[in-house]
mmCIF file of all heavy atoms, coordinates in Angstrom:
data_MODEL
# 
_entry.id   MODEL 
# 
loop_
_atom_site.group_PDB 
_atom_site.id 
_atom_site.type_symbol 
_atom_site.label_atom_id 
_atom_site.label_alt_id 
_atom_site.label_comp_id 
_atom_site.label_asym_id 
_atom_site.label_entity_id 
_atom_site.label_seq_id 
_atom_site.pdbx_PDB_ins_code 
_atom_site.Cartn_x 
_atom_site.Cartn_y 
_atom_site.Cartn_z 
_atom_site.occupancy 
_atom_site.B_iso_or_equiv 
_atom_site.pdbx_formal_charge 
_atom_site.auth_seq_id 
_atom_site.auth_comp_id 
_atom_site.auth_asym_id 
_atom_site.auth_atom_id 
_atom_site.pdbx_PDB_model_num 
ATOM 1   N N   . HIS A 1 1  ? 0.826  -1.212  0.000  1.00 0.00 ? 1  HIS A N   1 
ATOM 2   C CA  . HIS A 1 1  ? 0.000  0.000   0.000  1.00 0.00 ? 1  HIS A CA  1 
ATOM 3   C C   . HIS A 1 1  ? 0.861  1.263   0.000  1.00 0.00 ? 1  HIS A C   1 
ATOM 4   O O   . HIS A 1 1  ? 0.584  2.208   0.736  1.00 0.00 ? 1  HIS A O   1 
ATOM 5   C CB  . HIS A 1 1  ? -0.973 0.003   1.177  1.00 0.00 ? 1  HIS A CB  1 
ATOM 6   C CG  . HIS A 1 1  ? -1.871 -1.180  1.219  1.00 0.00 ? 1  HIS A CG  1 
ATOM 7   N ND1 . HIS A 1 1  ? -2.887 -1.383  0.313  1.00 0.00 ? 1  HIS A ND1 1 
ATOM 8   C CD2 . HIS A 1 1  ? -1.886 -2.260  2.034  1.00 0.00 ? 1  HIS A CD2 1 
ATOM 9   C CE1 . HIS A 1 1  ? -3.505 -2.513  0.583  1.00 0.00 ? 1  HIS A CE1 1 
ATOM 10  N NE2 . HIS A 1 1  ? -2.910 -3.071  1.611  1.00 0.00 ? 1  HIS A NE2 1 
ATOM 11  N N   . GLY A 1 2  ? 1.929  1.258   -0.792 1.00 0.00 ? 2  GLY A N   1 
ATOM 12  C CA  . GLY A 1 2  ? 2.804  2.416   -0.906 1.00 0.00 ? 2  GLY A CA  1 
ATOM 13  C C   . GLY A 1 2  ? 3.959  2.430   0.074  1.00 0.00 ? 2  GLY A C   1 
ATOM 14  O O   . GLY A 1 2  ? 4.784  3.336   0.046  1.00 0.00 ? 2  GLY A O   1 
ATOM 15  N N   . ASP A 1 3  ? 4.036  1.465   0.940  1.00 0.00 ? 3  ASP A N   1 
ATOM 16  C CA  . ASP A 1 3  ? 5.102  1.396   1.936  1.00 0.00 ? 3  ASP A CA  1 
ATOM 17  C C   . ASP A 1 3  ? 6.092  0.289   1.593  1.00 0.00 ? 3  ASP A C   1 
ATOM 18  O O   . ASP A 1 3  ? 5.723  -0.710  0.969  1.00 0.00 ? 3  ASP A O   1 
ATOM 19  C CB  . ASP A 1 3  ? 4.547  1.044   3.329  1.00 0.00 ? 3  ASP A CB  1 
ATOM 20  C CG  . ASP A 1 3  ? 3.711  2.155   3.921  1.00 0.00 ? 3  ASP A CG  1 
ATOM 21  O OD1 . ASP A 1 3  ? 3.890  3.316   3.514  1.00 0.00 ? 3  ASP A OD1 1 
ATOM 22  O OD2 . ASP A 1 3  ? 2.892  1.861   4.806  1.00 0.00 ? 3  ASP A OD2 1 
ATOM 23  N N   . VAL A 1 4  ? 7.320  0.451   2.071  1.00 0.00 ? 4  VAL A N   1 
ATOM 24  C CA  . VAL A 1 4  ? 8.263  -0.661  2.027  1.00 0.00 ? 4  VAL A CA  1 
ATOM 25  C C   . VAL A 1 4  ? 7.660  -1.760  2.897  1.00 0.00 ? 4  VAL A C   1 
ATOM 26  O O   . VAL A 1 4  ? 7.183  -1.499  4.010  1.00 0.00 ? 4  VAL A O   1 
ATOM 27  C CB  . VAL A 1 4  ? 9.643  -0.247  2.590  1.00 0.00 ? 4  VAL A CB  1 
ATOM 28  C CG1 . VAL A 1 4  ? 10.579 -1.434  2.702  1.00 0.00 ? 4  VAL A CG1 1 
ATOM 29  C CG2 . VAL A 1 4  ? 10.265 0.843   1.724  1.00 0.00 ? 4  VAL A CG2 1 
ATOM 30  N N   . ALA A 1 5  ? 7.636  -2.970  2.376  1.00 0.00 ? 5  ALA A N   1 
ATOM 31  C CA  . ALA A 1 5  ? 7.057  -4.084  3.131  1.00 0.00 ? 5  ALA A CA  1 
ATOM 32  C C   . ALA A 1 5  ? 7.860  -4.332  4.408  1.00 0.00 ? 5  ALA A C   1 
ATOM 33  O O   . ALA A 1 5  ? 9.085  -4.273  4.394  1.00 0.00 ? 5  ALA A O   1 
ATOM 34  C CB  . ALA A 1 5  ? 7.035  -5.338  2.263  1.00 0.00 ? 5  ALA A CB  1 
ATOM 35  N N   . GLY A 1 6  ? 7.166  -4.583  5.493  1.00 0.00 ? 6  GLY A N   1 
ATOM 36  C CA  . GLY A 1 6  ? 7.832  -4.917  6.762  1.00 0.00 ? 6  GLY A CA  1 
ATOM 37  C C   . GLY A 1 6  ? 8.151  -6.402  6.795  1.00 0.00 ? 6  GLY A C   1 
ATOM 38  O O   . GLY A 1 6  ? 7.531  -7.150  7.544  1.00 0.00 ? 6  GLY A O   1 
ATOM 39  N N   . SER A 1 7  ? 9.101  -6.826  5.987  1.00 0.00 ? 7  SER A N   1 
ATOM 40  C CA  . SER A 1 7  ? 9.381  -8.258  5.795  1.00 0.00 ? 7  SER A CA  1 
ATOM 41  C C   . SER A 1 7  ? 10.241 -8.872  6.899  1.00 0.00 ? 7  SER A C   1 
ATOM 42  O O   . SER A 1 7  ? 10.243 -10.081 7.071  1.00 0.00 ? 7  SER A O   1 
ATOM 43  C CB  . SER A 1 7  ? 10.087 -8.467  4.462  1.00 0.00 ? 7  SER A CB  1 
ATOM 44  O OG  . SER A 1 7  ? 9.303  -7.950  3.416  1.00 0.00 ? 7  SER A OG  1 
ATOM 45  N N   . ASN A 1 8  ? 10.993 -8.060  7.601  1.00 0.00 ? 8  ASN A N   1 
ATOM 46  C CA  . ASN A 1 8  ? 11.892 -8.560  8.646  1.00 0.00 ? 8  ASN A CA  1 
ATOM 47  C C   . ASN A 1 8  ? 11.482 -7.965  9.982  1.00 0.00 ? 8  ASN A C   1 
ATOM 48  O O   . ASN A 1 8  ? 11.126 -6.800  10.068 1.00 0.00 ? 8  ASN A O   1 
ATOM 49  C CB  . ASN A 1 8  ? 13.339 -8.167  8.336  1.00 0.00 ? 8  ASN A CB  1 
ATOM 50  C CG  . ASN A 1 8  ? 13.787 -8.687  6.983  1.00 0.00 ? 8  ASN A CG  1 
ATOM 51  O OD1 . ASN A 1 8  ? 13.810 -9.880  6.757  1.00 0.00 ? 8  ASN A OD1 1 
ATOM 52  N ND2 . ASN A 1 8  ? 14.105 -7.780  6.083  1.00 0.00 ? 8  ASN A ND2 1 
ATOM 53  N N   . ASP A 1 9  ? 11.558 -8.765  11.008 1.00 0.00 ? 9  ASP A N   1 
ATOM 54  C CA  . ASP A 1 9  ? 11.208 -8.329  12.353 1.00 0.00 ? 9  ASP A CA  1 
ATOM 55  C C   . ASP A 1 9  ? 12.484 -7.892  13.066 1.00 0.00 ? 9  ASP A C   1 
ATOM 56  O O   . ASP A 1 9  ? 13.468 -8.633  13.096 1.00 0.00 ? 9  ASP A O   1 
ATOM 57  C CB  . ASP A 1 9  ? 10.548 -9.497  13.094 1.00 0.00 ? 9  ASP A CB  1 
ATOM 58  C CG  . ASP A 1 9  ? 9.892  -9.072  14.390 1.00 0.00 ? 9  ASP A CG  1 
ATOM 59  O OD1 . ASP A 1 9  ? 10.580 -8.438  15.235 1.00 0.00 ? 9  ASP A OD1 1 
ATOM 60  O OD2 . ASP A 1 9  ? 8.709  -9.398  14.579 1.00 0.00 ? 9  ASP A OD2 1 
ATOM 61  N N   . TYR A 1 10 ? 12.473 -6.689  13.648 1.00 0.00 ? 10 TYR A N   1 
ATOM 62  C CA  . TYR A 1 10 ? 13.659 -6.184  14.348 1.00 0.00 ? 10 TYR A CA  1 
ATOM 63  C C   . TYR A 1 10 ? 14.114 -7.141  15.455 1.00 0.00 ? 10 TYR A C   1 
ATOM 64  O O   . TYR A 1 10 ? 15.295 -7.213  15.777 1.00 0.00 ? 10 TYR A O   1 
ATOM 65  C CB  . TYR A 1 10 ? 13.403 -4.787  14.914 1.00 0.00 ? 10 TYR A CB  1 
ATOM 66  C CG  . TYR A 1 10 ? 12.529 -4.779  16.151 1.00 0.00 ? 10 TYR A CG  1 
ATOM 67  C CD1 . TYR A 1 10 ? 13.100 -4.799  17.413 1.00 0.00 ? 10 TYR A CD1 1 
ATOM 68  C CD2 . TYR A 1 10 ? 11.137 -4.789  16.052 1.00 0.00 ? 10 TYR A CD2 1 
ATOM 69  C CE1 . TYR A 1 10 ? 12.302 -4.808  18.550 1.00 0.00 ? 10 TYR A CE1 1 
ATOM 70  C CE2 . TYR A 1 10 ? 10.340 -4.801  17.173 1.00 0.00 ? 10 TYR A CE2 1 
ATOM 71  C CZ  . TYR A 1 10 ? 10.926 -4.811  18.423 1.00 0.00 ? 10 TYR A CZ  1 
ATOM 72  O OH  . TYR A 1 10 ? 10.145 -4.835  19.538 1.00 0.00 ? 10 TYR A OH  1 
ATOM 73  N N   . ARG A 1 11 ? 13.176 -7.906  16.018 1.00 0.00 ? 11 ARG A N   1 
ATOM 74  C CA  . ARG A 1 11 ? 13.554 -8.853  17.075 1.00 0.00 ? 11 ARG A CA  1 
ATOM 75  C C   . ARG A 1 11 ? 14.415 -9.977  16.527 1.00 0.00 ? 11 ARG A C   1 
ATOM 76  O O   . ARG A 1 11 ? 15.237 -10.547 17.250 1.00 0.00 ? 11 ARG A O   1 
ATOM 77  C CB  . ARG A 1 11 ? 12.306 -9.414  17.759 1.00 0.00 ? 11 ARG A CB  1 
ATOM 78  C CG  . ARG A 1 11 ? 11.522 -8.328  18.517 1.00 0.00 ? 11 ARG A CG  1 
ATOM 79  C CD  . ARG A 1 11 ? 10.200 -8.823  18.987 1.00 0.00 ? 11 ARG A CD  1 
ATOM 80  N NE  . ARG A 1 11 ? 9.334  -9.112  17.837 1.00 0.00 ? 11 ARG A NE  1 
ATOM 81  C CZ  . ARG A 1 11 ? 8.069  -9.496  17.942 1.00 0.00 ? 11 ARG A CZ  1 
ATOM 82  N NH1 . ARG A 1 11 ? 7.514  -9.653  19.129 1.00 0.00 ? 11 ARG A NH1 1 
ATOM 83  N NH2 . ARG A 1 11 ? 7.359  -9.735  16.856 1.00 0.00 ? 11 ARG A NH2 1 
ATOM 84  N N   . ASP A 1 12 ? 14.275 -10.300 15.239 1.00 0.00 ? 12 ASP A N   1 
ATOM 85  C CA  . ASP A 1 12 ? 15.152 -11.304 14.632 1.00 0.00 ? 12 ASP A CA  1 
ATOM 86  C C   . ASP A 1 12 ? 16.571 -10.770 14.485 1.00 0.00 ? 12 ASP A C   1 
ATOM 87  O O   . ASP A 1 12 ? 17.539 -11.482 14.729 1.00 0.00 ? 12 ASP A O   1 
ATOM 88  C CB  . ASP A 1 12 ? 14.598 -11.756 13.276 1.00 0.00 ? 12 ASP A CB  1 
ATOM 89  C CG  . ASP A 1 12 ? 13.329 -12.574 13.415 1.00 0.00 ? 12 ASP A CG  1 
ATOM 90  O OD1 . ASP A 1 12 ? 13.160 -13.242 14.459 1.00 0.00 ? 12 ASP A OD1 1 
ATOM 91  O OD2 . ASP A 1 12 ? 12.514 -12.548 12.490 1.00 0.00 ? 12 ASP A OD2 1 
ATOM 92  N N   . LEU A 1 13 ? 16.696 -9.510  14.092 1.00 0.00 ? 13 LEU A N   1 
ATOM 93  C CA  . LEU A 1 13 ? 18.023 -8.907  13.987 1.00 0.00 ? 13 LEU A CA  1 
ATOM 94  C C   . LEU A 1 13 ? 18.683 -8.795  15.361 1.00 0.00 ? 13 LEU A C   1 
ATOM 95  O O   . LEU A 1 13 ? 19.821 -9.227  15.552 1.00 0.00 ? 13 LEU A O   1 
ATOM 96  C CB  . LEU A 1 13 ? 17.932 -7.525  13.337 1.00 0.00 ? 13 LEU A CB  1 
ATOM 97  C CG  . LEU A 1 13 ? 19.251 -6.767  13.254 1.00 0.00 ? 13 LEU A CG  1 
ATOM 98  C CD1 . LEU A 1 13 ? 20.257 -7.488  12.367 1.00 0.00 ? 13 LEU A CD1 1 
ATOM 99  C CD2 . LEU A 1 13 ? 19.007 -5.349  12.755 1.00 0.00 ? 13 LEU A CD2 1 
ATOM 100 N N   . LEU A 1 14 ? 17.962 -8.249  16.323 1.00 0.00 ? 14 LEU A N   1 
ATOM 101 C CA  . LEU A 1 14 ? 18.532 -8.093  17.666 1.00 0.00 ? 14 LEU A CA  1 
ATOM 102 C C   . LEU A 1 14 ? 18.710 -9.443  18.354 1.00 0.00 ? 14 LEU A C   1 
ATOM 103 O O   . LEU A 1 14 ? 19.665 -9.630  19.116 1.00 0.00 ? 14 LEU A O   1 
ATOM 104 C CB  . LEU A 1 14 ? 17.661 -7.155  18.499 1.00 0.00 ? 14 LEU A CB  1 
ATOM 105 C CG  . LEU A 1 14 ? 17.571 -5.721  17.970 1.00 0.00 ? 14 LEU A CG  1 
ATOM 106 C CD1 . LEU A 1 14 ? 16.679 -4.883  18.863 1.00 0.00 ? 14 LEU A CD1 1 
ATOM 107 C CD2 . LEU A 1 14 ? 18.942 -5.094  17.819 1.00 0.00 ? 14 LEU A CD2 1 
ATOM 108 N N   . GLY A 1 15 ? 17.822 -10.391 18.088 1.00 0.00 ? 15 GLY A N   1 
ATOM 109 C CA  . GLY A 1 15 ? 17.980 -11.742 18.624 1.00 0.00 ? 15 GLY A CA  1 
ATOM 110 C C   . GLY A 1 15 ? 19.240 -12.401 18.089 1.00 0.00 ? 15 GLY A C   1 
ATOM 111 O O   . GLY A 1 15 ? 19.977 -13.073 18.822 1.00 0.00 ? 15 GLY A O   1 
ATOM 112 N N   . GLU A 1 16 ? 19.496 -12.205 16.803 1.00 0.00 ? 16 GLU A N   1 
ATOM 113 C CA  . GLU A 1 16 ? 20.723 -12.750 16.211 1.00 0.00 ? 16 GLU A CA  1 
ATOM 114 C C   . GLU A 1 16 ? 21.950 -12.080 16.814 1.00 0.00 ? 16 GLU A C   1 
ATOM 115 O O   . GLU A 1 16 ? 22.968 -12.729 17.062 1.00 0.00 ? 16 GLU A O   1 
ATOM 116 C CB  . GLU A 1 16 ? 20.697 -12.559 14.699 1.00 0.00 ? 16 GLU A CB  1 
ATOM 117 C CG  . GLU A 1 16 ? 21.842 -13.230 13.995 1.00 0.00 ? 16 GLU A CG  1 
ATOM 118 C CD  . GLU A 1 16 ? 21.751 -13.133 12.482 1.00 0.00 ? 16 GLU A CD  1 
ATOM 119 O OE1 . GLU A 1 16 ? 20.758 -12.603 11.934 1.00 0.00 ? 16 GLU A OE1 1 
ATOM 120 O OE2 . GLU A 1 16 ? 22.687 -13.614 11.840 1.00 0.00 ? 16 GLU A OE2 1 
ATOM 121 N N   . LEU A 1 17 ? 21.854 -10.787 17.082 1.00 0.00 ? 17 LEU A N   1 
ATOM 122 C CA  . LEU A 1 17 ? 22.959 -10.064 17.715 1.00 0.00 ? 17 LEU A CA  1 
ATOM 123 C C   . LEU A 1 17 ? 23.273 -10.640 19.090 1.00 0.00 ? 17 LEU A C   1 
ATOM 124 O O   . LEU A 1 17 ? 24.423 -10.990 19.374 1.00 0.00 ? 17 LEU A O   1 
ATOM 125 C CB  . LEU A 1 17 ? 22.609 -8.580  17.838 1.00 0.00 ? 17 LEU A CB  1 
ATOM 126 C CG  . LEU A 1 17 ? 23.563 -7.724  18.679 1.00 0.00 ? 17 LEU A CG  1 
ATOM 127 C CD1 . LEU A 1 17 ? 24.910 -7.599  18.003 1.00 0.00 ? 17 LEU A CD1 1 
ATOM 128 C CD2 . LEU A 1 17 ? 22.957 -6.364  18.943 1.00 0.00 ? 17 LEU A CD2 1 
ATOM 129 N N   . VAL A 1 18 ? 22.268 -10.784 19.953 1.00 0.00 ? 18 VAL A N   1 
ATOM 130 C CA  . VAL A 1 18 ? 22.537 -11.282 21.306 1.00 0.00 ? 18 VAL A CA  1 
ATOM 131 C C   . VAL A 1 18 ? 22.909 -12.761 21.300 1.00 0.00 ? 18 VAL A C   1 
ATOM 132 O O   . VAL A 1 18 ? 23.670 -13.210 22.152 1.00 0.00 ? 18 VAL A O   1 
ATOM 133 C CB  . VAL A 1 18 ? 21.374 -10.994 22.289 1.00 0.00 ? 18 VAL A CB  1 
ATOM 134 C CG1 . VAL A 1 18 ? 21.159 -9.501  22.449 1.00 0.00 ? 18 VAL A CG1 1 
ATOM 135 C CG2 . VAL A 1 18 ? 20.091 -11.676 21.875 1.00 0.00 ? 18 VAL A CG2 1 
ATOM 136 N N   . SER A 1 19 ? 22.413 -13.502 20.333 1.00 0.00 ? 19 SER A N   1 
ATOM 137 C CA  . SER A 1 19 ? 22.772 -14.910 20.214 1.00 0.00 ? 19 SER A CA  1 
ATOM 138 C C   . SER A 1 19 ? 24.227 -15.065 19.765 1.00 0.00 ? 19 SER A C   1 
ATOM 139 O O   . SER A 1 19 ? 25.006 -15.796 20.389 1.00 0.00 ? 19 SER A O   1 
ATOM 140 C CB  . SER A 1 19 ? 21.833 -15.589 19.217 1.00 0.00 ? 19 SER A CB  1 
ATOM 141 O OG  . SER A 1 19 ? 22.277 -16.886 18.917 1.00 0.00 ? 19 SER A OG  1 
ATOM 142 N N   . THR A 1 20 ? 24.588 -14.384 18.703 1.00 0.00 ? 20 THR A N   1 
ATOM 143 C CA  . THR A 1 20 ? 25.914 -14.539 18.106 1.00 0.00 ? 20 THR A CA  1 
ATOM 144 C C   . THR A 1 20 ? 26.997 -13.810 18.893 1.00 0.00 ? 20 THR A C   1 
ATOM 145 O O   . THR A 1 20 ? 28.045 -14.375 19.182 1.00 0.00 ? 20 THR A O   1 
ATOM 146 C CB  . THR A 1 20 ? 25.894 -14.013 16.654 1.00 0.00 ? 20 THR A CB  1 
ATOM 147 O OG1 . THR A 1 20 ? 24.862 -14.685 15.947 1.00 0.00 ? 20 THR A OG1 1 
ATOM 148 C CG2 . THR A 1 20 ? 27.206 -14.265 15.968 1.00 0.00 ? 20 THR A CG2 1 
ATOM 149 N N   . ARG A 1 21 ? 26.747 -12.565 19.237 1.00 0.00 ? 21 ARG A N   1 
ATOM 150 C CA  . ARG A 1 21 ? 27.788 -11.741 19.857 1.00 0.00 ? 21 ARG A CA  1 
ATOM 151 C C   . ARG A 1 21 ? 27.874 -11.930 21.372 1.00 0.00 ? 21 ARG A C   1 
ATOM 152 O O   . ARG A 1 21 ? 28.935 -11.790 21.947 1.00 0.00 ? 21 ARG A O   1 
ATOM 153 C CB  . ARG A 1 21 ? 27.573 -10.273 19.521 1.00 0.00 ? 21 ARG A CB  1 
ATOM 154 C CG  . ARG A 1 21 ? 27.613 -9.966  18.036 1.00 0.00 ? 21 ARG A CG  1 
ATOM 155 C CD  . ARG A 1 21 ? 28.961 -10.211 17.411 1.00 0.00 ? 21 ARG A CD  1 
ATOM 156 N NE  . ARG A 1 21 ? 29.812 -9.072  17.693 1.00 0.00 ? 21 ARG A NE  1 
ATOM 157 C CZ  . ARG A 1 21 ? 31.120 -9.078  17.558 1.00 0.00 ? 21 ARG A CZ  1 
ATOM 158 N NH1 . ARG A 1 21 ? 31.733 -10.148 17.131 1.00 0.00 ? 21 ARG A NH1 1 
ATOM 159 N NH2 . ARG A 1 21 ? 31.833 -8.021  17.858 1.00 0.00 ? 21 ARG A NH2 1 
ATOM 160 N N   . LEU A 1 22 ? 26.738 -12.231 22.023 1.00 0.00 ? 22 LEU A N   1 
ATOM 161 C CA  . LEU A 1 22 ? 26.748 -12.378 23.478 1.00 0.00 ? 22 LEU A CA  1 
ATOM 162 C C   . LEU A 1 22 ? 26.617 -13.829 23.917 1.00 0.00 ? 22 LEU A C   1 
ATOM 163 O O   . LEU A 1 22 ? 26.636 -14.118 25.105 1.00 0.00 ? 22 LEU A O   1 
ATOM 164 C CB  . LEU A 1 22 ? 25.622 -11.539 24.107 1.00 0.00 ? 22 LEU A CB  1 
ATOM 165 C CG  . LEU A 1 22 ? 25.665 -10.035 23.809 1.00 0.00 ? 22 LEU A CG  1 
ATOM 166 C CD1 . LEU A 1 22 ? 24.487 -9.332  24.456 1.00 0.00 ? 22 LEU A CD1 1 
ATOM 167 C CD2 . LEU A 1 22 ? 26.988 -9.431  24.258 1.00 0.00 ? 22 LEU A CD2 1 
ATOM 168 N N   . GLY A 1 23 ? 26.441 -14.735 22.952 1.00 0.00 ? 23 GLY A N   1 
ATOM 169 C CA  . GLY A 1 23 ? 26.399 -16.157 23.266 1.00 0.00 ? 23 GLY A CA  1 
ATOM 170 C C   . GLY A 1 23 ? 25.125 -16.655 23.902 1.00 0.00 ? 23 GLY A C   1 
ATOM 171 O O   . GLY A 1 23 ? 25.120 -17.711 24.538 1.00 0.00 ? 23 GLY A O   1 
ATOM 172 N N   . LEU A 1 24 ? 24.013 -15.931 23.741 1.00 0.00 ? 24 LEU A N   1 
ATOM 173 C CA  . LEU A 1 24 ? 22.754 -16.401 24.305 1.00 0.00 ? 24 LEU A CA  1 
ATOM 174 C C   . LEU A 1 24 ? 22.243 -17.608 23.530 1.00 0.00 ? 24 LEU A C   1 
ATOM 175 O O   . LEU A 1 24 ? 22.287 -17.634 22.302 1.00 0.00 ? 24 LEU A O   1 
ATOM 176 C CB  . LEU A 1 24 ? 21.688 -15.301 24.264 1.00 0.00 ? 24 LEU A CB  1 
ATOM 177 C CG  . LEU A 1 24 ? 21.455 -14.549 25.577 1.00 0.00 ? 24 LEU A CG  1 
ATOM 178 C CD1 . LEU A 1 24 ? 22.687 -13.800 26.004 1.00 0.00 ? 24 LEU A CD1 1 
ATOM 179 C CD2 . LEU A 1 24 ? 20.268 -13.641 25.456 1.00 0.00 ? 24 LEU A CD2 1 
ATOM 180 N N   . SER A 1 25 ? 21.735 -18.576 24.244 1.00 0.00 ? 25 SER A N   1 
ATOM 181 C CA  . SER A 1 25 ? 21.119 -19.755 23.636 1.00 0.00 ? 25 SER A CA  1 
ATOM 182 C C   . SER A 1 25 ? 19.756 -19.361 23.084 1.00 0.00 ? 25 SER A C   1 
ATOM 183 O O   . SER A 1 25 ? 19.232 -18.296 23.415 1.00 0.00 ? 25 SER A O   1 
ATOM 184 C CB  . SER A 1 25 ? 20.938 -20.837 24.704 1.00 0.00 ? 25 SER A CB  1 
ATOM 185 O OG  . SER A 1 25 ? 19.982 -20.392 25.655 1.00 0.00 ? 25 SER A OG  1 
ATOM 186 N N   . PRO A 1 26 ? 19.139 -20.240 22.273 1.00 0.00 ? 26 PRO A N   1 
ATOM 187 C CA  . PRO A 1 26 ? 17.767 -19.943 21.828 1.00 0.00 ? 26 PRO A CA  1 
ATOM 188 C C   . PRO A 1 26 ? 16.815 -19.682 23.007 1.00 0.00 ? 26 PRO A C   1 
ATOM 189 O O   . PRO A 1 26 ? 15.944 -18.822 22.921 1.00 0.00 ? 26 PRO A O   1 
ATOM 190 C CB  . PRO A 1 26 ? 17.375 -21.186 21.034 1.00 0.00 ? 26 PRO A CB  1 
ATOM 191 C CG  . PRO A 1 26 ? 18.680 -21.695 20.495 1.00 0.00 ? 26 PRO A CG  1 
ATOM 192 C CD  . PRO A 1 26 ? 19.681 -21.429 21.607 1.00 0.00 ? 26 PRO A CD  1 
# 
């Protein structure tokens, strides 16, 4: 509807950050 699609959830990006960089488990 005229917007960039919200295809990615910011929680996935930040979740990957804390998982990879801080070693958090799932």
